[in-house]
């Protein structure tokens, strides 16, 4: 479970709070850089393991694949160690989508 922003602020020492306040007063350049770096690190986390078989990914291999999917406002990323894992993931995704459509159709038939 993630922490609330207020909880994070409570953890900071007085000197850190003053430094953030001064940064905010002068355009928050330091805070912006800090947040951008943290976001970049979080985005790379998906690339560490295969989404299908959970094997560790070797960043230097040419047969790693990353799939970006989902609606524009909630994109998801999944990385794979090979075409077979990517294909398996896509097939399972199609199955889920098909089942959802069938459930929606069958639930409207009853009314």
PDB file of N, CA and C in Angstrom:
ATOM      1  N   UNK A   1       0.844  -1.185   0.000  1.00  0.00           N
ATOM      2  CA  UNK A   1       0.000   0.000   0.000  1.00  0.00           C
ATOM      3  C   UNK A   1       0.885   1.243   0.000  1.00  0.00           C
ATOM      4  N   UNK A   2       0.616   2.164  -0.914  1.00  0.00           N
ATOM      5  CA  UNK A   2       1.411   3.365  -1.025  1.00  0.00           C
ATOM      6  C   UNK A   2       1.124   4.357   0.088  1.00  0.00           C
ATOM      7  N   UNK A   3       2.093   5.201   0.357  1.00  0.00           N
ATOM      8  CA  UNK A   3       1.931   6.228   1.378  1.00  0.00           C
ATOM      9  C   UNK A   3       1.239   7.452   0.797  1.00  0.00           C
ATOM     10  N   UNK A   4       0.553   8.140   1.650  1.00  0.00           N
ATOM     11  CA  UNK A   4      -0.033   9.409   1.255  1.00  0.00           C
ATOM     12  C   UNK A   4       1.051  10.472   1.268  1.00  0.00           C
ATOM     13  N   UNK A   5       0.828  11.505   0.514  1.00  0.00           N
ATOM     14  CA  UNK A   5       1.796  12.589   0.429  1.00  0.00           C
ATOM     15  C   UNK A   5       2.061  13.193   1.809  1.00  0.00           C
ATOM     16  N   UNK A   6       1.025  13.330   2.596  1.00  0.00           N
ATOM     17  CA  UNK A   6       1.178  13.890   3.941  1.00  0.00           C
ATOM     18  C   UNK A   6       2.099  13.028   4.800  1.00  0.00           C
ATOM     19  N   UNK A   7       2.013  11.712   4.651  1.00  0.00           N
ATOM     20  CA  UNK A   7       2.879  10.803   5.409  1.00  0.00           C
ATOM     21  C   UNK A   7       4.343  11.007   5.029  1.00  0.00           C
ATOM     22  N   UNK A   8       4.577  11.244   3.751  1.00  0.00           N
ATOM     23  CA  UNK A   8       5.943  11.478   3.283  1.00  0.00           C
ATOM     24  C   UNK A   8       6.468  12.788   3.865  1.00  0.00           C
ATOM     25  N   UNK A   9       5.657  13.823   3.878  1.00  0.00           N
ATOM     26  CA  UNK A   9       6.050  15.117   4.444  1.00  0.00           C
ATOM     27  C   UNK A   9       6.371  14.972   5.931  1.00  0.00           C
ATOM     28  N   UNK A  10       5.591  14.168   6.650  1.00  0.00           N
ATOM     29  CA  UNK A  10       5.822  13.961   8.082  1.00  0.00           C
ATOM     30  C   UNK A  10       7.179  13.327   8.365  1.00  0.00           C
ATOM     31  N   UNK A  11       7.692  12.538   7.446  1.00  0.00           N
ATOM     32  CA  UNK A  11       8.967  11.854   7.631  1.00  0.00           C
ATOM     33  C   UNK A  11      10.152  12.819   7.516  1.00  0.00           C
ATOM     34  N   UNK A  12       9.989  13.889   6.749  1.00  0.00           N
ATOM     35  CA  UNK A  12      11.092  14.810   6.483  1.00  0.00           C
ATOM     36  C   UNK A  12      11.517  15.569   7.738  1.00  0.00           C
ATOM     37  N   UNK A  13      12.821  15.800   7.847  1.00  0.00           N
ATOM     38  CA  UNK A  13      13.382  16.617   8.925  1.00  0.00           C
ATOM     39  C   UNK A  13      13.122  18.088   8.623  1.00  0.00           C
ATOM     40  N   UNK A  14      13.261  18.915   9.640  1.00  0.00           N
ATOM     41  CA  UNK A  14      13.002  20.351   9.509  1.00  0.00           C
ATOM     42  C   UNK A  14      13.829  20.969   8.390  1.00  0.00           C
ATOM     43  N   UNK A  15      15.130  20.647   8.333  1.00  0.00           N
ATOM     44  CA  UNK A  15      16.001  21.223   7.297  1.00  0.00           C
ATOM     45  C   UNK A  15      15.541  20.831   5.897  1.00  0.00           C
ATOM     46  N   UNK A  16      15.097  19.582   5.739  1.00  0.00           N
ATOM     47  CA  UNK A  16      14.595  19.137   4.433  1.00  0.00           C
ATOM     48  C   UNK A  16      13.309  19.864   4.068  1.00  0.00           C
ATOM     49  N   UNK A  17      12.446  20.076   5.041  1.00  0.00           N
ATOM     50  CA  UNK A  17      11.208  20.820   4.795  1.00  0.00           C
ATOM     51  C   UNK A  17      11.507  22.249   4.350  1.00  0.00           C
ATOM     52  N   UNK A  18      12.463  22.898   4.996  1.00  0.00           N
ATOM     53  CA  UNK A  18      12.846  24.272   4.624  1.00  0.00           C
ATOM     54  C   UNK A  18      13.417  24.289   3.205  1.00  0.00           C
ATOM     55  N   UNK A  19      14.244  23.274   2.900  1.00  0.00           N
ATOM     56  CA  UNK A  19      14.851  23.218   1.562  1.00  0.00           C
ATOM     57  C   UNK A  19      13.763  23.055   0.488  1.00  0.00           C
ATOM     58  N   UNK A  20      12.780  22.182   0.740  1.00  0.00           N
ATOM     59  CA  UNK A  20      11.674  22.010  -0.215  1.00  0.00           C
ATOM     60  C   UNK A  20      10.834  23.280  -0.323  1.00  0.00           C
ATOM     61  N   UNK A  21      10.592  23.932   0.787  1.00  0.00           N
ATOM     62  CA  UNK A  21       9.807  25.181   0.772  1.00  0.00           C
ATOM     63  C   UNK A  21      10.533  26.238  -0.035  1.00  0.00           C
ATOM     64  N   UNK A  22      11.846  26.387   0.184  1.00  0.00           N
ATOM     65  CA  UNK A  22      12.635  27.351  -0.593  1.00  0.00           C
ATOM     66  C   UNK A  22      12.619  27.007  -2.068  1.00  0.00           C
ATOM     67  N   UNK A  23      12.706  25.717  -2.377  1.00  0.00           N
ATOM     68  CA  UNK A  23      12.671  25.281  -3.767  1.00  0.00           C
ATOM     69  C   UNK A  23      11.320  25.616  -4.403  1.00  0.00           C
ATOM     70  N   UNK A  24      10.240  25.363  -3.681  1.00  0.00           N
ATOM     71  CA  UNK A  24       8.903  25.701  -4.185  1.00  0.00           C
ATOM     72  C   UNK A  24       8.765  27.206  -4.418  1.00  0.00           C
ATOM     73  N   UNK A  25       9.311  27.980  -3.523  1.00  0.00           N
ATOM     74  CA  UNK A  25       9.237  29.439  -3.648  1.00  0.00           C
ATOM     75  C   UNK A  25      10.010  29.960  -4.844  1.00  0.00           C
ATOM     76  N   UNK A  26      11.008  29.215  -5.289  1.00  0.00           N
ATOM     77  CA  UNK A  26      11.836  29.667  -6.419  1.00  0.00           C
ATOM     78  C   UNK A  26      11.570  28.892  -7.702  1.00  0.00           C
ATOM     79  N   UNK A  27      10.419  28.236  -7.809  1.00  0.00           N
ATOM     80  CA  UNK A  27      10.050  27.565  -9.052  1.00  0.00           C
ATOM     81  C   UNK A  27      10.120  26.051  -9.010  1.00  0.00           C
ATOM     82  N   UNK A  28      10.514  25.477  -7.898  1.00  0.00           N
ATOM     83  CA  UNK A  28      10.518  24.021  -7.674  1.00  0.00           C
ATOM     84  C   UNK A  28      11.348  23.252  -8.700  1.00  0.00           C
ATOM     85  N   UNK A  29      12.470  23.815  -9.115  1.00  0.00           N
ATOM     86  CA  UNK A  29      13.332  23.148 -10.092  1.00  0.00           C
ATOM     87  C   UNK A  29      13.920  21.858  -9.517  1.00  0.00           C
ATOM     88  N   UNK A  30      14.405  21.926  -8.270  1.00  0.00           N
ATOM     89  CA  UNK A  30      14.991  20.744  -7.651  1.00  0.00           C
ATOM     90  C   UNK A  30      13.937  19.647  -7.466  1.00  0.00           C
ATOM     91  N   UNK A  31      12.767  20.024  -6.992  1.00  0.00           N
ATOM     92  CA  UNK A  31      11.688  19.055  -6.787  1.00  0.00           C
ATOM     93  C   UNK A  31      11.251  18.438  -8.109  1.00  0.00           C
ATOM     94  N   UNK A  32      11.167  19.245  -9.132  1.00  0.00           N
ATOM     95  CA  UNK A  32      10.781  18.739 -10.452  1.00  0.00           C
ATOM     96  C   UNK A  32      11.794  17.705 -10.952  1.00  0.00           C
ATOM     97  N   UNK A  33      13.096  17.997 -10.818  1.00  0.00           N
ATOM     98  CA  UNK A  33      14.127  17.051 -11.250  1.00  0.00           C
ATOM     99  C   UNK A  33      14.067  15.764 -10.443  1.00  0.00           C
ATOM    100  N   UNK A  34      13.866  15.899  -9.140  1.00  0.00           N
ATOM    101  CA  UNK A  34      13.778  14.733  -8.265  1.00  0.00           C
ATOM    102  C   UNK A  34      12.611  13.839  -8.657  1.00  0.00           C
ATOM    103  N   UNK A  35      11.449  14.438  -8.910  1.00  0.00           N
ATOM    104  CA  UNK A  35      10.274  13.676  -9.310  1.00  0.00           C
ATOM    105  C   UNK A  35      10.442  13.040 -10.686  1.00  0.00           C
ATOM    106  N   UNK A  36      11.031  13.760 -11.618  1.00  0.00           N
ATOM    107  CA  UNK A  36      11.261  13.208 -12.955  1.00  0.00           C
ATOM    108  C   UNK A  36      12.183  11.990 -12.906  1.00  0.00           C
ATOM    109  N   UNK A  37      13.234  12.063 -12.094  1.00  0.00           N
ATOM    110  CA  UNK A  37      14.154  10.929 -11.967  1.00  0.00           C
ATOM    111  C   UNK A  37      13.461   9.722 -11.341  1.00  0.00           C
ATOM    112  N   UNK A  38      12.647   9.954 -10.324  1.00  0.00           N
ATOM    113  CA  UNK A  38      11.921   8.867  -9.661  1.00  0.00           C
ATOM    114  C   UNK A  38      10.924   8.226 -10.637  1.00  0.00           C
ATOM    115  N   UNK A  39      10.245   9.020 -11.426  1.00  0.00           N
ATOM    116  CA  UNK A  39       9.294   8.507 -12.420  1.00  0.00           C
ATOM    117  C   UNK A  39      10.027   7.661 -13.453  1.00  0.00           C
ATOM    118  N   UNK A  40      11.191   8.112 -13.914  1.00  0.00           N
ATOM    119  CA  UNK A  40      11.987   7.338 -14.876  1.00  0.00           C
ATOM    120  C   UNK A  40      12.371   5.985 -14.302  1.00  0.00           C
ATOM    121  N   UNK A  41      12.787   5.972 -13.023  1.00  0.00           N
ATOM    122  CA  UNK A  41      13.155   4.704 -12.383  1.00  0.00           C
ATOM    123  C   UNK A  41      11.952   3.778 -12.268  1.00  0.00           C
ATOM    124  N   UNK A  42      10.790   4.322 -11.933  1.00  0.00           N
ATOM    125  CA  UNK A  42       9.576   3.509 -11.816  1.00  0.00           C
ATOM    126  C   UNK A  42       9.176   2.935 -13.172  1.00  0.00           C
ATOM    127  N   UNK A  43       9.310   3.724 -14.231  1.00  0.00           N
ATOM    128  CA  UNK A  43       8.966   3.248 -15.565  1.00  0.00           C
ATOM    129  C   UNK A  43       9.870   2.112 -16.013  1.00  0.00           C
ATOM    130  N   UNK A  44      11.116   2.105 -15.575  1.00  0.00           N
ATOM    131  CA  UNK A  44      12.049   1.042 -15.951  1.00  0.00           C
ATOM    132  C   UNK A  44      11.824  -0.245 -15.174  1.00  0.00           C
ATOM    133  N   UNK A  45      11.097  -0.186 -14.066  1.00  0.00           N
ATOM    134  CA  UNK A  45      10.883  -1.380 -13.251  1.00  0.00           C
ATOM    135  C   UNK A  45      10.193  -2.503 -14.018  1.00  0.00           C
ATOM    136  N   UNK A  46       9.320  -2.152 -14.959  1.00  0.00           N
ATOM    137  CA  UNK A  46       8.616  -3.180 -15.733  1.00  0.00           C
ATOM    138  C   UNK A  46       9.563  -3.991 -16.595  1.00  0.00           C
ATOM    139  N   UNK A  47      10.738  -3.462 -16.856  1.00  0.00           N
ATOM    140  CA  UNK A  47      11.679  -4.118 -17.754  1.00  0.00           C
ATOM    141  C   UNK A  47      12.560  -5.153 -17.063  1.00  0.00           C
ATOM    142  N   UNK A  48      12.420  -5.363 -15.767  1.00  0.00           N
ATOM    143  CA  UNK A  48      13.313  -6.248 -15.034  1.00  0.00           C
ATOM    144  C   UNK A  48      12.968  -7.726 -15.186  1.00  0.00           C
ATOM    145  N   UNK A  49      11.692  -8.051 -15.283  1.00  0.00           N
ATOM    146  CA  UNK A  49      11.287  -9.458 -15.391  1.00  0.00           C
ATOM    147  C   UNK A  49      10.259  -9.625 -16.503  1.00  0.00           C
ATOM    148  N   UNK A  50      10.212 -10.830 -17.036  1.00  0.00           N
ATOM    149  CA  UNK A  50       9.252 -11.163 -18.084  1.00  0.00           C
ATOM    150  C   UNK A  50       7.858 -11.229 -17.458  1.00  0.00           C
ATOM    151  N   UNK A  51       6.894 -10.588 -18.077  1.00  0.00           N
ATOM    152  CA  UNK A  51       5.533 -10.544 -17.552  1.00  0.00           C
ATOM    153  C   UNK A  51       4.837 -11.900 -17.636  1.00  0.00           C
ATOM    154  N   UNK A  52       5.323 -12.812 -18.465  1.00  0.00           N
ATOM    155  CA  UNK A  52       4.700 -14.118 -18.624  1.00  0.00           C
ATOM    156  C   UNK A  52       5.371 -15.180 -17.757  1.00  0.00           C
ATOM    157  N   UNK A  53       6.670 -15.333 -17.897  1.00  0.00           N
ATOM    158  CA  UNK A  53       7.357 -16.434 -17.199  1.00  0.00           C
ATOM    159  C   UNK A  53       8.157 -15.983 -15.979  1.00  0.00           C
ATOM    160  N   UNK A  54       8.233 -14.715 -15.724  1.00  0.00           N
ATOM    161  CA  UNK A  54       8.954 -14.076 -14.608  1.00  0.00           C
ATOM    162  C   UNK A  54      10.461 -14.322 -14.614  1.00  0.00           C
ATOM    163  N   UNK A  55      11.025 -14.716 -15.749  1.00  0.00           N
ATOM    164  CA  UNK A  55      12.483 -14.810 -15.857  1.00  0.00           C
ATOM    165  C   UNK A  55      13.078 -13.404 -15.839  1.00  0.00           C
ATOM    166  N   UNK A  56      14.294 -13.294 -15.317  1.00  0.00           N
ATOM    167  CA  UNK A  56      14.994 -12.014 -15.371  1.00  0.00           C
ATOM    168  C   UNK A  56      15.303 -11.673 -16.818  1.00  0.00           C
ATOM    169  N   UNK A  57      15.161 -10.400 -17.161  1.00  0.00           N
ATOM    170  CA  UNK A  57      15.461  -9.962 -18.523  1.00  0.00           C
ATOM    171  C   UNK A  57      16.905  -9.488 -18.610  1.00  0.00           C
ATOM    172  N   UNK A  58      17.550  -9.841 -19.699  1.00  0.00           N
ATOM    173  CA  UNK A  58      18.901  -9.386 -19.987  1.00  0.00           C
ATOM    174  C   UNK A  58      18.766  -8.185 -20.915  1.00  0.00           C
ATOM    175  N   UNK A  59      19.173  -7.014 -20.437  1.00  0.00           N
ATOM    176  CA  UNK A  59      18.990  -5.784 -21.203  1.00  0.00           C
ATOM    177  C   UNK A  59      19.805  -5.744 -22.486  1.00  0.00           C
ATOM    178  N   UNK A  60      20.790  -6.598 -22.602  1.00  0.00           N
ATOM    179  CA  UNK A  60      21.657  -6.576 -23.768  1.00  0.00           C
ATOM    180  C   UNK A  60      21.219  -7.546 -24.864  1.00  0.00           C
ATOM    181  N   UNK A  61      20.147  -8.288 -24.624  1.00  0.00           N
ATOM    182  CA  UNK A  61      19.629  -9.205 -25.640  1.00  0.00           C
ATOM    183  C   UNK A  61      18.704  -8.455 -26.594  1.00  0.00           C
ATOM    184  N   UNK A  62      18.757  -8.847 -27.845  1.00  0.00           N
ATOM    185  CA  UNK A  62      17.921  -8.197 -28.850  1.00  0.00           C
ATOM    186  C   UNK A  62      16.511  -8.768 -28.885  1.00  0.00           C
ATOM    187  N   UNK A  63      16.284  -9.900 -28.207  1.00  0.00           N
ATOM    188  CA  UNK A  63      14.967 -10.525 -28.290  1.00  0.00           C
ATOM    189  C   UNK A  63      14.068 -10.191 -27.094  1.00  0.00           C
ATOM    190  N   UNK A  64      14.353  -9.098 -26.382  1.00  0.00           N
ATOM    191  CA  UNK A  64      13.430  -8.590 -25.365  1.00  0.00           C
ATOM    192  C   UNK A  64      12.394  -7.708 -26.058  1.00  0.00           C
ATOM    193  N   UNK A  65      11.165  -7.788 -25.581  1.00  0.00           N
ATOM    194  CA  UNK A  65      10.079  -7.009 -26.168  1.00  0.00           C
ATOM    195  C   UNK A  65       9.296  -6.320 -25.056  1.00  0.00           C
ATOM    196  N   UNK A  66       8.789  -5.127 -25.348  1.00  0.00           N
ATOM    197  CA  UNK A  66       7.950  -4.406 -24.404  1.00  0.00           C
ATOM    198  C   UNK A  66       6.665  -4.016 -25.107  1.00  0.00           C
ATOM    199  N   UNK A  67       5.559  -4.320 -24.472  1.00  0.00           N
ATOM    200  CA  UNK A  67       4.230  -4.029 -25.007  1.00  0.00           C
ATOM    201  C   UNK A  67       3.624  -2.912 -24.169  1.00  0.00           C
ATOM    202  N   UNK A  68       3.139  -1.868 -24.828  1.00  0.00           N
ATOM    203  CA  UNK A  68       2.436  -0.776 -24.160  1.00  0.00           C
ATOM    204  C   UNK A  68       0.976  -0.884 -24.579  1.00  0.00           C
ATOM    205  N   UNK A  69       0.081  -0.965 -23.586  1.00  0.00           N
ATOM    206  CA  UNK A  69      -1.328  -1.171 -23.904  1.00  0.00           C
ATOM    207  C   UNK A  69      -2.207  -0.450 -22.896  1.00  0.00           C
ATOM    208  N   UNK A  70      -3.476  -0.362 -23.209  1.00  0.00           N
ATOM    209  CA  UNK A  70      -4.436   0.271 -22.319  1.00  0.00           C
ATOM    210  C   UNK A  70      -4.919   1.598 -22.877  1.00  0.00           C
ATOM    211  N   UNK A  71      -5.903   2.183 -22.213  1.00  0.00           N
ATOM    212  CA  UNK A  71      -6.430   3.473 -22.674  1.00  0.00           C
ATOM    213  C   UNK A  71      -5.389   4.582 -22.507  1.00  0.00           C
ATOM    214  N   UNK A  72      -5.567   5.673 -23.228  1.00  0.00           N
ATOM    215  CA  UNK A  72      -4.592   6.764 -23.214  1.00  0.00           C
ATOM    216  C   UNK A  72      -4.325   7.317 -21.825  1.00  0.00           C
ATOM    217  N   UNK A  73      -5.331   7.334 -20.981  1.00  0.00           N
ATOM    218  CA  UNK A  73      -5.148   7.916 -19.658  1.00  0.00           C
ATOM    219  C   UNK A  73      -4.641   6.913 -18.617  1.00  0.00           C
ATOM    220  N   UNK A  74      -4.457   5.650 -19.010  1.00  0.00           N
ATOM    221  CA  UNK A  74      -3.972   4.635 -18.065  1.00  0.00           C
ATOM    222  C   UNK A  74      -3.180   3.567 -18.812  1.00  0.00           C
ATOM    223  N   UNK A  75      -2.061   3.984 -19.405  1.00  0.00           N
ATOM    224  CA  UNK A  75      -1.216   3.051 -20.155  1.00  0.00           C
ATOM    225  C   UNK A  75      -0.514   2.082 -19.222  1.00  0.00           C
ATOM    226  N   UNK A  76      -0.340   0.847 -19.684  1.00  0.00           N
ATOM    227  CA  UNK A  76       0.391  -0.170 -18.952  1.00  0.00           C
ATOM    228  C   UNK A  76       1.518  -0.676 -19.839  1.00  0.00           C
ATOM    229  N   UNK A  77       2.581  -1.159 -19.203  1.00  0.00           N
ATOM    230  CA  UNK A  77       3.715  -1.719 -19.930  1.00  0.00           C
ATOM    231  C   UNK A  77       4.000  -3.107 -19.402  1.00  0.00           C
ATOM    232  N   UNK A  78       4.369  -3.986 -20.308  1.00  0.00           N
ATOM    233  CA  UNK A  78       4.784  -5.336 -19.933  1.00  0.00           C
ATOM    234  C   UNK A  78       5.962  -5.712 -20.818  1.00  0.00           C
ATOM    235  N   UNK A  79       6.992  -6.287 -20.197  1.00  0.00           N
ATOM    236  CA  UNK A  79       8.181  -6.706 -20.942  1.00  0.00           C
ATOM    237  C   UNK A  79       8.256  -8.224 -20.994  1.00  0.00           C
ATOM    238  N   UNK A  80       8.874  -8.737 -22.058  1.00  0.00           N
ATOM    239  CA  UNK A  80       8.918 -10.179 -22.308  1.00  0.00           C
ATOM    240  C   UNK A  80      10.309 -10.587 -22.748  1.00  0.00           C
ATOM    241  N   UNK A  81      10.687 -11.839 -22.398  1.00  0.00           N
ATOM    242  CA  UNK A  81      12.026 -12.340 -22.718  1.00  0.00           C
ATOM    243  C   UNK A  81      12.110 -12.937 -24.120  1.00  0.00           C
ATOM    244  N   UNK A  82      10.991 -13.134 -24.784  1.00  0.00           N
ATOM    245  CA  UNK A  82      11.004 -13.686 -26.134  1.00  0.00           C
ATOM    246  C   UNK A  82       9.635 -13.605 -26.783  1.00  0.00           C
ATOM    247  N   UNK A  83       9.606 -13.951 -28.055  1.00  0.00           N
ATOM    248  CA  UNK A  83       8.347 -13.895 -28.799  1.00  0.00           C
ATOM    249  C   UNK A  83       7.306 -14.879 -28.261  1.00  0.00           C
ATOM    250  N   UNK A  84       7.749 -16.023 -27.770  1.00  0.00           N
ATOM    251  CA  UNK A  84       6.796 -17.004 -27.256  1.00  0.00           C
ATOM    252  C   UNK A  84       6.049 -16.460 -26.037  1.00  0.00           C
ATOM    253  N   UNK A  85       6.746 -15.772 -25.142  1.00  0.00           N
ATOM    254  CA  UNK A  85       6.083 -15.188 -23.971  1.00  0.00           C
ATOM    255  C   UNK A  85       5.171 -14.035 -24.370  1.00  0.00           C
ATOM    256  N   UNK A  86       5.606 -13.232 -25.334  1.00  0.00           N
ATOM    257  CA  UNK A  86       4.769 -12.133 -25.830  1.00  0.00           C
ATOM    258  C   UNK A  86       3.498 -12.684 -26.464  1.00  0.00           C
ATOM    259  N   UNK A  87       3.633 -13.725 -27.288  1.00  0.00           N
ATOM    260  CA  UNK A  87       2.480 -14.345 -27.951  1.00  0.00           C
ATOM    261  C   UNK A  87       1.517 -14.940 -26.925  1.00  0.00           C
ATOM    262  N   UNK A  88       2.034 -15.628 -25.929  1.00  0.00           N
ATOM    263  CA  UNK A  88       1.200 -16.208 -24.881  1.00  0.00           C
ATOM    264  C   UNK A  88       0.417 -15.118 -24.155  1.00  0.00           C
ATOM    265  N   UNK A  89       1.089 -14.019 -23.834  1.00  0.00           N
ATOM    266  CA  UNK A  89       0.444 -12.893 -23.145  1.00  0.00           C
ATOM    267  C   UNK A  89      -0.687 -12.312 -23.993  1.00  0.00           C
ATOM    268  N   UNK A  90      -0.432 -12.119 -25.270  1.00  0.00           N
ATOM    269  CA  UNK A  90      -1.447 -11.546 -26.165  1.00  0.00           C
ATOM    270  C   UNK A  90      -2.639 -12.491 -26.297  1.00  0.00           C
ATOM    271  N   UNK A  91      -2.384 -13.797 -26.410  1.00  0.00           N
ATOM    272  CA  UNK A  91      -3.476 -14.762 -26.490  1.00  0.00           C
ATOM    273  C   UNK A  91      -4.333 -14.731 -25.232  1.00  0.00           C
ATOM    274  N   UNK A  92      -3.697 -14.675 -24.071  1.00  0.00           N
ATOM    275  CA  UNK A  92      -4.445 -14.606 -22.804  1.00  0.00           C
ATOM    276  C   UNK A  92      -5.233 -13.300 -22.717  1.00  0.00           C
ATOM    277  N   UNK A  93      -4.655 -12.216 -23.212  1.00  0.00           N
ATOM    278  CA  UNK A  93      -5.337 -10.927 -23.228  1.00  0.00           C
ATOM    279  C   UNK A  93      -6.577 -10.986 -24.121  1.00  0.00           C
ATOM    280  N   UNK A  94      -6.449 -11.641 -25.274  1.00  0.00           N
ATOM    281  CA  UNK A  94      -7.595 -11.828 -26.171  1.00  0.00           C
ATOM    282  C   UNK A  94      -8.678 -12.666 -25.511  1.00  0.00           C
ATOM    283  N   UNK A  95      -8.278 -13.735 -24.819  1.00  0.00           N
ATOM    284  CA  UNK A  95      -9.242 -14.585 -24.114  1.00  0.00           C
ATOM    285  C   UNK A  95     -10.026 -13.795 -23.076  1.00  0.00           C
ATOM    286  N   UNK A  96      -9.316 -12.985 -22.312  1.00  0.00           N
ATOM    287  CA  UNK A  96      -9.978 -12.169 -21.282  1.00  0.00           C
ATOM    288  C   UNK A  96     -10.966 -11.203 -21.924  1.00  0.00           C
ATOM    289  N   UNK A  97     -10.545 -10.562 -22.996  1.00  0.00           N
ATOM    290  CA  UNK A  97     -11.415  -9.596 -23.681  1.00  0.00           C
ATOM    291  C   UNK A  97     -12.651 -10.300 -24.255  1.00  0.00           C
ATOM    292  N   UNK A  98     -12.466 -11.480 -24.824  1.00  0.00           N
ATOM    293  CA  UNK A  98     -13.574 -12.248 -25.373  1.00  0.00           C
ATOM    294  C   UNK A  98     -14.558 -12.636 -24.271  1.00  0.00           C
ATOM    295  N   UNK A  99     -14.045 -13.109 -23.146  1.00  0.00           N
ATOM    296  CA  UNK A  99     -14.902 -13.494 -22.026  1.00  0.00           C
ATOM    297  C   UNK A  99     -15.676 -12.304 -21.489  1.00  0.00           C
ATOM    298  N   UNK A 100     -15.033 -11.141 -21.420  1.00  0.00           N
ATOM    299  CA  UNK A 100     -15.727  -9.937 -20.952  1.00  0.00           C
ATOM    300  C   UNK A 100     -16.863  -9.560 -21.896  1.00  0.00           C
ATOM    301  N   UNK A 101     -16.600  -9.656 -23.192  1.00  0.00           N
ATOM    302  CA  UNK A 101     -17.648  -9.348 -24.169  1.00  0.00           C
ATOM    303  C   UNK A 101     -18.801 -10.338 -24.052  1.00  0.00           C
ATOM    304  N   UNK A 102     -18.482 -11.620 -23.892  1.00  0.00           N
ATOM    305  CA  UNK A 102     -19.529 -12.642 -23.752  1.00  0.00           C
ATOM    306  C   UNK A 102     -20.366 -12.390 -22.506  1.00  0.00           C
ATOM    307  N   UNK A 103     -19.722 -12.021 -21.412  1.00  0.00           N
ATOM    308  CA  UNK A 103     -20.450 -11.741 -20.175  1.00  0.00           C
ATOM    309  C   UNK A 103     -21.355 -10.526 -20.318  1.00  0.00           C
ATOM    310  N   UNK A 104     -20.906  -9.523 -21.007  1.00  0.00           N
ATOM    311  CA  UNK A 104     -21.734  -8.335 -21.220  1.00  0.00           C
ATOM    312  C   UNK A 104     -22.930  -8.666 -22.107  1.00  0.00           C
ATOM    313  N   UNK A 105     -22.707  -9.471 -23.140  1.00  0.00           N
ATOM    314  CA  UNK A 105     -23.793  -9.852 -24.043  1.00  0.00           C
ATOM    315  C   UNK A 105     -24.784 -10.739 -23.303  1.00  0.00           C
ATOM    316  N   UNK A 106     -24.296 -11.720 -22.561  1.00  0.00           N
ATOM    317  CA  UNK A 106     -25.197 -12.614 -21.863  1.00  0.00           C
ATOM    318  C   UNK A 106     -25.955 -11.916 -20.749  1.00  0.00           C
ATOM    319  N   UNK A 107     -25.344 -10.934 -20.088  1.00  0.00           N
ATOM    320  CA  UNK A 107     -26.050 -10.221 -19.025  1.00  0.00           C
ATOM    321  C   UNK A 107     -27.124  -9.310 -19.577  1.00  0.00           C
ATOM    322  N   UNK A 108     -26.962  -8.796 -20.798  1.00  0.00           N
ATOM    323  CA  UNK A 108     -28.006  -7.951 -21.380  1.00  0.00           C
ATOM    324  C   UNK A 108     -29.129  -8.795 -21.961  1.00  0.00           C
ATOM    325  N   UNK A 109     -28.848 -10.070 -22.302  1.00  0.00           N
ATOM    326  CA  UNK A 109     -29.887 -10.947 -22.825  1.00  0.00           C
ATOM    327  C   UNK A 109     -30.939 -11.274 -21.791  1.00  0.00           C
ATOM    328  N   UNK A 110     -30.566 -11.243 -20.516  1.00  0.00           N
ATOM    329  CA  UNK A 110     -31.485 -11.598 -19.452  1.00  0.00           C
ATOM    330  C   UNK A 110     -32.485 -10.495 -19.144  1.00  0.00           C
ATOM    331  N   UNK A 111     -32.267  -9.290 -19.615  1.00  0.00           N
ATOM    332  CA  UNK A 111     -33.160  -8.187 -19.272  1.00  0.00           C
ATOM    333  C   UNK A 111     -34.151  -7.899 -20.321  1.00  0.00           C
TER     334      UNK A 111
END
